[in-house]
N, C-alpha and C. Protein backbone atom coordinates (compact mmCIF):
# COMPACT_ATOMS: atom_id res chain seq x y z
N MET A 1 30.11 52.16 -3.27
CA MET A 1 28.92 52.34 -2.82
C MET A 1 27.43 51.90 -4.51
N ALA A 2 27.85 51.04 -5.17
CA ALA A 2 26.73 50.60 -5.88
C ALA A 2 26.28 49.22 -5.19
N LYS A 3 27.03 48.41 -4.59
CA LYS A 3 26.85 47.22 -4.17
C LYS A 3 26.09 47.39 -2.55
N LYS A 4 25.91 48.04 -2.37
CA LYS A 4 24.58 49.23 -1.24
C LYS A 4 23.89 49.22 -1.88
N GLN A 5 23.85 49.69 -3.03
CA GLN A 5 22.75 50.37 -3.38
C GLN A 5 21.51 48.96 -3.83
N LYS A 6 22.27 47.84 -4.38
CA LYS A 6 21.72 47.02 -4.62
C LYS A 6 21.64 45.75 -3.94
N GLN A 7 22.05 45.66 -2.55
CA GLN A 7 21.76 45.81 -1.43
C GLN A 7 20.32 45.56 -0.57
N GLN A 8 20.48 47.31 -1.04
CA GLN A 8 19.12 47.71 -0.56
C GLN A 8 17.85 47.30 -1.70
N LEU A 9 18.26 47.26 -2.55
CA LEU A 9 17.49 47.13 -3.40
C LEU A 9 16.53 45.92 -3.29
N ALA A 10 17.49 45.26 -3.04
CA ALA A 10 17.54 43.45 -2.89
C ALA A 10 15.86 43.52 -1.73
N MET A 11 16.65 44.17 -0.67
CA MET A 11 15.76 43.94 0.76
C MET A 11 13.84 44.47 0.27
N LYS A 12 14.03 45.17 -1.26
CA LYS A 12 12.45 46.17 -1.48
C LYS A 12 11.71 45.54 -2.84
N MET A 13 12.37 43.96 -3.26
CA MET A 13 12.18 43.25 -4.38
C MET A 13 11.07 42.42 -3.74
N PRO A 14 10.13 41.49 -4.74
CA PRO A 14 9.61 40.65 -3.35
C PRO A 14 10.65 39.38 -3.94
N GLY A 15 10.64 38.44 -2.59
CA GLY A 15 11.60 37.23 -2.62
C GLY A 15 13.00 37.79 -2.51
N GLY A 16 12.90 39.24 -2.41
CA GLY A 16 14.22 39.41 -2.24
C GLY A 16 15.24 39.46 -0.99
N ARG A 17 14.22 38.24 0.58
CA ARG A 17 15.10 38.62 1.81
C ARG A 17 15.77 37.28 1.44
N ARG A 18 16.89 37.60 2.76
CA ARG A 18 17.85 36.20 2.58
C ARG A 18 17.00 34.47 3.09
N SER A 19 17.38 33.34 2.55
CA SER A 19 15.92 32.93 2.98
C SER A 19 16.66 32.02 4.42
N ARG A 20 16.05 31.24 5.01
CA ARG A 20 16.23 31.02 6.02
C ARG A 20 17.71 29.33 6.53
N SER A 21 17.76 29.17 7.81
CA SER A 21 18.96 28.02 6.96
C SER A 21 18.25 26.88 6.54
N GLY A 22 18.80 25.72 6.26
CA GLY A 22 17.56 24.47 6.78
C GLY A 22 17.89 23.85 7.90
N GLY A 23 17.97 24.37 8.69
CA GLY A 23 18.33 23.38 10.51
C GLY A 23 16.60 22.82 10.57
N PRO A 24 16.63 22.16 11.99
CA PRO A 24 15.79 21.70 12.19
C PRO A 24 14.73 21.99 12.61
N ASP A 25 13.32 21.94 12.40
CA ASP A 25 12.31 22.43 12.83
C ASP A 25 11.64 22.08 13.99
N VAL A 26 9.97 21.55 14.48
CA VAL A 26 9.52 21.88 15.37
C VAL A 26 9.07 20.27 14.45
N TYR A 27 8.30 19.81 13.38
CA TYR A 27 8.29 19.25 13.30
C TYR A 27 9.31 17.54 13.16
N THR A 28 10.70 18.20 12.98
CA THR A 28 11.83 17.45 13.03
C THR A 28 11.54 16.98 14.75
N GLY A 29 11.45 17.71 14.82
CA GLY A 29 12.01 17.59 16.82
C GLY A 29 10.49 16.92 17.70
N LEU A 30 9.72 16.83 17.07
CA LEU A 30 8.61 15.64 16.79
C LEU A 30 8.90 13.94 16.10
N LEU A 31 8.98 14.52 15.53
CA LEU A 31 9.65 12.93 14.70
C LEU A 31 10.47 12.18 15.81
N PHE A 32 11.41 12.98 15.55
CA PHE A 32 12.70 12.21 16.28
C PHE A 32 12.05 11.86 18.15
N LEU A 33 11.10 12.77 18.40
CA LEU A 33 10.58 12.22 19.96
C LEU A 33 9.63 10.94 19.88
N ALA A 34 8.52 10.78 18.54
CA ALA A 34 8.06 9.78 18.06
C ALA A 34 9.21 8.62 18.22
N VAL A 35 9.94 9.28 17.43
CA VAL A 35 10.97 7.53 17.16
C VAL A 35 10.89 6.67 18.73
N LEU A 36 11.71 7.69 19.41
CA LEU A 36 12.18 7.42 20.88
C LEU A 36 11.15 6.90 21.52
N VAL A 37 9.78 7.11 21.67
CA VAL A 37 9.16 6.62 21.98
C VAL A 37 8.53 5.27 21.89
N LEU A 38 8.80 5.37 20.20
CA LEU A 38 8.60 3.99 19.56
C LEU A 38 9.42 2.83 20.21
N GLY A 39 10.13 3.12 20.23
CA GLY A 39 11.87 2.29 20.74
C GLY A 39 11.59 1.97 22.00
N ALA A 40 10.97 2.84 22.95
CA ALA A 40 10.76 2.28 24.49
C ALA A 40 10.08 1.43 24.49
N ALA A 41 8.86 1.90 23.68
CA ALA A 41 7.25 0.67 23.73
C ALA A 41 8.02 -0.66 22.86
N THR A 42 8.71 -0.44 22.47
CA THR A 42 9.67 -1.60 21.91
C THR A 42 10.14 -2.55 22.70
N THR A 43 10.79 -1.72 23.46
CA THR A 43 11.45 -2.09 24.36
C THR A 43 11.24 -3.06 25.17
N LEU A 44 9.48 -2.43 26.49
CA LEU A 44 9.20 -2.99 27.04
C LEU A 44 8.69 -3.84 26.56
N MET A 45 7.91 -3.76 25.48
CA MET A 45 7.01 -4.96 24.55
C MET A 45 7.95 -6.42 25.11
N TYR A 46 9.10 -6.37 23.89
CA TYR A 46 10.60 -7.43 24.00
C TYR A 46 10.47 -8.06 25.43
N TYR A 47 10.34 -7.01 26.55
CA TYR A 47 10.56 -7.75 28.13
C TYR A 47 9.31 -7.77 28.98
N ALA A 48 8.27 -7.91 27.86
CA ALA A 48 7.12 -8.16 28.56
C ALA A 48 6.65 -8.93 27.72
N ALA A 49 7.03 -10.08 26.84
CA ALA A 49 6.99 -10.91 25.98
C ALA A 49 7.84 -12.38 26.68
N VAL A 50 9.14 -11.67 26.94
CA VAL A 50 10.45 -12.76 27.09
C VAL A 50 9.93 -12.92 28.61
N GLU A 51 8.58 -12.63 29.54
CA GLU A 51 8.11 -13.10 30.33
C GLU A 51 6.89 -13.95 30.68
N VAL A 52 6.41 -14.02 29.31
CA VAL A 52 5.49 -15.00 28.99
C VAL A 52 5.77 -15.92 28.01
N SER A 53 6.60 -16.05 27.33
CA SER A 53 6.97 -16.63 26.37
C SER A 53 7.72 -17.85 27.14
N PRO A 54 7.66 -18.99 26.29
CA PRO A 54 7.90 -20.38 26.92
C PRO A 54 9.73 -20.49 26.58
N GLU A 55 10.25 -20.79 27.62
CA GLU A 55 11.61 -20.80 27.28
C GLU A 55 12.24 -19.66 27.10
N SER A 56 11.85 -18.76 27.69
CA SER A 56 12.62 -17.01 27.21
C SER A 56 13.00 -16.64 26.09
N ASN A 57 11.84 -16.83 25.01
CA ASN A 57 12.27 -17.03 23.67
C ASN A 57 10.82 -16.19 23.21
N PRO A 58 11.20 -14.75 22.71
CA PRO A 58 9.68 -14.20 23.14
C PRO A 58 9.27 -14.22 21.75
N LEU A 59 9.58 -14.70 20.15
CA LEU A 59 9.09 -15.49 19.33
C LEU A 59 8.67 -16.59 19.54
N ALA A 60 9.06 -17.17 20.35
CA ALA A 60 8.50 -18.83 20.44
C ALA A 60 6.81 -18.50 20.89
N ILE A 61 5.97 -19.78 20.31
CA ILE A 61 4.32 -19.57 20.39
C ILE A 61 4.06 -20.59 21.37
N GLN A 62 3.04 -20.89 22.14
CA GLN A 62 2.95 -21.65 23.16
C GLN A 62 1.95 -22.55 22.31
N LYS A 63 1.84 -24.14 22.41
CA LYS A 63 0.90 -24.63 22.41
C LYS A 63 -0.67 -24.25 22.45
N GLU A 64 -1.75 -24.39 21.61
CA GLU A 64 -3.07 -23.85 21.96
C GLU A 64 -2.99 -24.90 22.48
N GLY A 65 -4.21 -24.94 23.77
CA GLY A 65 -4.40 -25.12 25.32
C GLY A 65 -3.80 -26.16 26.05
N GLN A 66 -3.07 -25.30 26.00
CA GLN A 66 -1.62 -25.36 27.09
C GLN A 66 -0.49 -24.36 27.57
N ILE A 67 -1.44 -23.30 27.44
CA ILE A 67 -0.70 -21.61 27.66
C ILE A 67 -0.89 -21.68 29.11
N LYS A 68 0.75 -21.25 29.37
CA LYS A 68 0.91 -20.90 30.95
C LYS A 68 1.77 -19.35 30.67
N LEU A 69 1.11 -18.46 32.20
CA LEU A 69 1.29 -17.68 32.25
C LEU A 69 2.31 -18.17 33.66
N PRO A 70 3.37 -17.33 33.95
CA PRO A 70 4.68 -17.88 34.89
C PRO A 70 3.96 -16.71 36.55
N ASN A 71 3.49 -15.70 35.95
CA ASN A 71 3.07 -15.19 37.21
C ASN A 71 1.66 -15.69 38.20
N LEU A 72 1.19 -16.16 36.98
CA LEU A 72 -0.53 -16.31 37.38
C LEU A 72 -0.69 -17.76 38.26
N VAL A 73 -1.73 -17.82 39.40
CA VAL A 73 -1.99 -18.83 39.86
C VAL A 73 -3.19 -19.56 39.81
N ASN A 74 -2.90 -20.93 39.30
CA ASN A 74 -3.87 -22.36 38.31
C ASN A 74 -4.88 -22.77 39.02
């Protein structure tokens, strides 16, 4: 019976409530969504760079004055 009285008293004291669990909240979900969107954008930009780069290497740089885009009529 003494334990029951302590529990009732703990609920009435400031800070006596049980703390919430440390589960994911809204901000964690938004962060996860932002990481997914940035990953998708990076993938799309990689494929776009492969299409316009020389030798299908997205990190290669075209020579100045000799820039050629494959899908445009010159």
